[in-house]
N, C-alpha and C. Protein backbone atom coordinates (compact mmCIF):
# COMPACT_ATOMS: atom_id res chain seq x y z
N UNK A 1 10.37 -21.85 -11.53
CA UNK A 1 10.39 -21.45 -10.15
C UNK A 1 9.15 -22.04 -9.48
N UNK A 2 9.35 -22.71 -8.36
CA UNK A 2 8.22 -23.24 -7.60
C UNK A 2 7.71 -22.17 -6.64
N UNK A 3 6.40 -22.03 -6.58
CA UNK A 3 5.77 -21.06 -5.69
C UNK A 3 4.64 -21.74 -4.93
N UNK A 4 4.24 -21.14 -3.84
CA UNK A 4 3.13 -21.65 -3.04
C UNK A 4 1.82 -21.01 -3.43
N UNK A 5 0.76 -21.49 -2.77
CA UNK A 5 -0.59 -21.02 -3.08
C UNK A 5 -0.77 -19.52 -2.83
N UNK A 6 -0.16 -19.01 -1.77
CA UNK A 6 -0.31 -17.58 -1.45
C UNK A 6 0.29 -16.70 -2.55
N UNK A 7 1.47 -17.05 -3.00
CA UNK A 7 2.11 -16.28 -4.08
C UNK A 7 1.29 -16.43 -5.37
N UNK A 8 0.79 -17.62 -5.62
CA UNK A 8 -0.02 -17.83 -6.83
C UNK A 8 -1.21 -16.88 -6.86
N UNK A 9 -1.84 -16.70 -5.72
CA UNK A 9 -3.01 -15.80 -5.66
C UNK A 9 -2.62 -14.35 -5.96
N UNK A 10 -1.38 -13.99 -5.72
CA UNK A 10 -0.93 -12.61 -5.94
C UNK A 10 -0.39 -12.35 -7.34
N UNK A 11 -0.28 -13.39 -8.15
CA UNK A 11 0.26 -13.22 -9.50
C UNK A 11 -0.72 -12.46 -10.39
N UNK A 12 -0.19 -11.75 -11.39
CA UNK A 12 -1.09 -11.06 -12.33
C UNK A 12 -1.84 -12.08 -13.19
N UNK A 13 -2.90 -11.62 -13.83
CA UNK A 13 -3.77 -12.49 -14.62
C UNK A 13 -3.03 -13.21 -15.75
N UNK A 14 -1.98 -12.64 -16.29
CA UNK A 14 -1.27 -13.25 -17.41
C UNK A 14 -0.27 -14.32 -17.02
N UNK A 15 -0.14 -14.62 -15.74
CA UNK A 15 0.84 -15.62 -15.30
C UNK A 15 0.34 -17.03 -15.59
N UNK A 16 1.25 -17.89 -16.00
CA UNK A 16 0.91 -19.29 -16.27
C UNK A 16 1.63 -20.18 -15.26
N UNK A 17 0.89 -21.07 -14.63
CA UNK A 17 1.46 -21.99 -13.65
C UNK A 17 0.99 -23.41 -13.93
N UNK A 18 1.79 -24.37 -13.49
CA UNK A 18 1.42 -25.78 -13.57
C UNK A 18 1.40 -26.32 -12.14
N UNK A 19 0.37 -27.03 -11.73
CA UNK A 19 0.32 -27.57 -10.37
C UNK A 19 1.36 -28.67 -10.16
N UNK A 20 1.94 -28.66 -8.96
CA UNK A 20 2.86 -29.70 -8.52
C UNK A 20 2.32 -30.19 -7.17
N UNK A 21 1.34 -31.10 -7.20
CA UNK A 21 0.68 -31.52 -5.95
C UNK A 21 1.53 -32.51 -5.14
N UNK A 22 1.30 -32.50 -3.85
CA UNK A 22 1.89 -33.50 -2.96
C UNK A 22 3.39 -33.46 -2.84
N UNK A 23 3.98 -32.29 -2.81
CA UNK A 23 5.42 -32.13 -2.69
C UNK A 23 5.84 -32.38 -1.24
N UNK A 24 6.79 -33.28 -1.03
CA UNK A 24 7.30 -33.55 0.31
C UNK A 24 8.47 -32.61 0.56
N UNK A 25 8.33 -31.77 1.59
CA UNK A 25 9.37 -30.79 1.89
C UNK A 25 9.82 -30.89 3.34
N UNK A 26 11.06 -30.54 3.54
CA UNK A 26 11.65 -30.56 4.87
C UNK A 26 10.92 -29.57 5.78
N UNK A 27 10.64 -30.01 7.00
CA UNK A 27 9.99 -29.13 7.96
C UNK A 27 8.48 -29.18 7.96
N UNK A 28 7.88 -29.94 7.05
CA UNK A 28 6.42 -30.07 6.99
C UNK A 28 6.05 -31.52 7.26
N UNK A 29 5.01 -31.73 8.06
CA UNK A 29 4.56 -33.08 8.38
C UNK A 29 3.77 -33.73 7.24
N UNK A 30 3.11 -32.91 6.45
CA UNK A 30 2.31 -33.44 5.35
C UNK A 30 2.78 -32.82 4.03
N UNK A 31 2.55 -33.52 2.92
CA UNK A 31 2.92 -32.95 1.62
C UNK A 31 2.20 -31.63 1.36
N UNK A 32 2.84 -30.76 0.61
CA UNK A 32 2.26 -29.45 0.29
C UNK A 32 2.05 -29.35 -1.22
N UNK A 33 1.11 -28.53 -1.61
CA UNK A 33 0.88 -28.26 -3.02
C UNK A 33 1.69 -27.05 -3.42
N UNK A 34 2.31 -27.13 -4.57
CA UNK A 34 3.10 -26.02 -5.10
C UNK A 34 2.71 -25.81 -6.55
N UNK A 35 3.27 -24.77 -7.14
CA UNK A 35 2.98 -24.44 -8.53
C UNK A 35 4.29 -24.06 -9.22
N UNK A 36 4.46 -24.56 -10.44
CA UNK A 36 5.62 -24.22 -11.25
C UNK A 36 5.24 -23.01 -12.09
N UNK A 37 5.91 -21.89 -11.86
CA UNK A 37 5.66 -20.68 -12.63
C UNK A 37 6.35 -20.83 -13.97
N UNK A 38 5.57 -20.87 -15.05
CA UNK A 38 6.13 -21.08 -16.39
C UNK A 38 6.17 -19.83 -17.24
N UNK A 39 5.33 -18.85 -16.94
CA UNK A 39 5.33 -17.61 -17.70
C UNK A 39 4.62 -16.52 -16.91
N UNK A 40 5.03 -15.30 -17.12
CA UNK A 40 4.33 -14.15 -16.55
C UNK A 40 3.78 -13.33 -17.70
N UNK A 41 2.99 -12.33 -17.40
CA UNK A 41 2.39 -11.50 -18.43
C UNK A 41 3.45 -10.96 -19.38
N UNK A 42 4.57 -10.51 -18.84
CA UNK A 42 5.64 -9.96 -19.66
C UNK A 42 6.29 -11.03 -20.54
N UNK A 43 6.19 -12.28 -20.12
CA UNK A 43 6.82 -13.36 -20.86
C UNK A 43 5.79 -14.33 -21.44
N UNK A 44 4.56 -13.92 -21.55
CA UNK A 44 3.49 -14.82 -21.97
C UNK A 44 3.75 -15.46 -23.33
N UNK A 45 4.42 -14.74 -24.22
CA UNK A 45 4.69 -15.31 -25.54
C UNK A 45 5.95 -16.16 -25.56
N UNK A 46 6.73 -16.13 -24.47
CA UNK A 46 7.97 -16.91 -24.40
C UNK A 46 7.95 -17.72 -23.11
N UNK A 47 7.60 -18.98 -23.18
CA UNK A 47 7.51 -19.84 -22.00
C UNK A 47 8.90 -20.03 -21.40
N UNK A 48 8.94 -20.09 -20.08
CA UNK A 48 10.19 -20.41 -19.40
C UNK A 48 10.42 -21.90 -19.49
N UNK A 49 11.67 -22.30 -19.62
CA UNK A 49 11.95 -23.73 -19.71
C UNK A 49 11.83 -24.37 -18.34
N UNK A 50 11.54 -25.68 -18.34
CA UNK A 50 11.45 -26.42 -17.08
C UNK A 50 12.83 -26.53 -16.48
N UNK A 51 12.92 -26.56 -15.15
CA UNK A 51 14.22 -26.65 -14.49
C UNK A 51 14.93 -27.97 -14.82
N UNK A 52 16.23 -27.95 -14.83
CA UNK A 52 17.03 -29.14 -15.09
C UNK A 52 17.72 -29.54 -13.79
N UNK A 53 18.04 -30.82 -13.68
CA UNK A 53 18.75 -31.30 -12.50
C UNK A 53 17.80 -31.79 -11.44
N UNK A 54 18.34 -32.26 -10.37
CA UNK A 54 17.56 -32.80 -9.24
C UNK A 54 16.48 -33.77 -9.69
N UNK A 55 16.86 -34.70 -10.56
CA UNK A 55 15.93 -35.73 -10.98
C UNK A 55 14.92 -35.31 -12.04
N UNK A 56 15.07 -34.15 -12.62
CA UNK A 56 14.12 -33.70 -13.64
C UNK A 56 14.67 -33.97 -15.01
């Protein structure tokens, strides 16, 4: 799941994210930074798989 900086700041300490810098999105004039949420505290021992499709 991709999240923005504001949501990232609200995540619990056990959450794991990977940066996705320079994402070009509709409705924005400049690229935005996003984060791929890979695990939360409840899932810290079981990483979420990376999304499939859309060129991934």
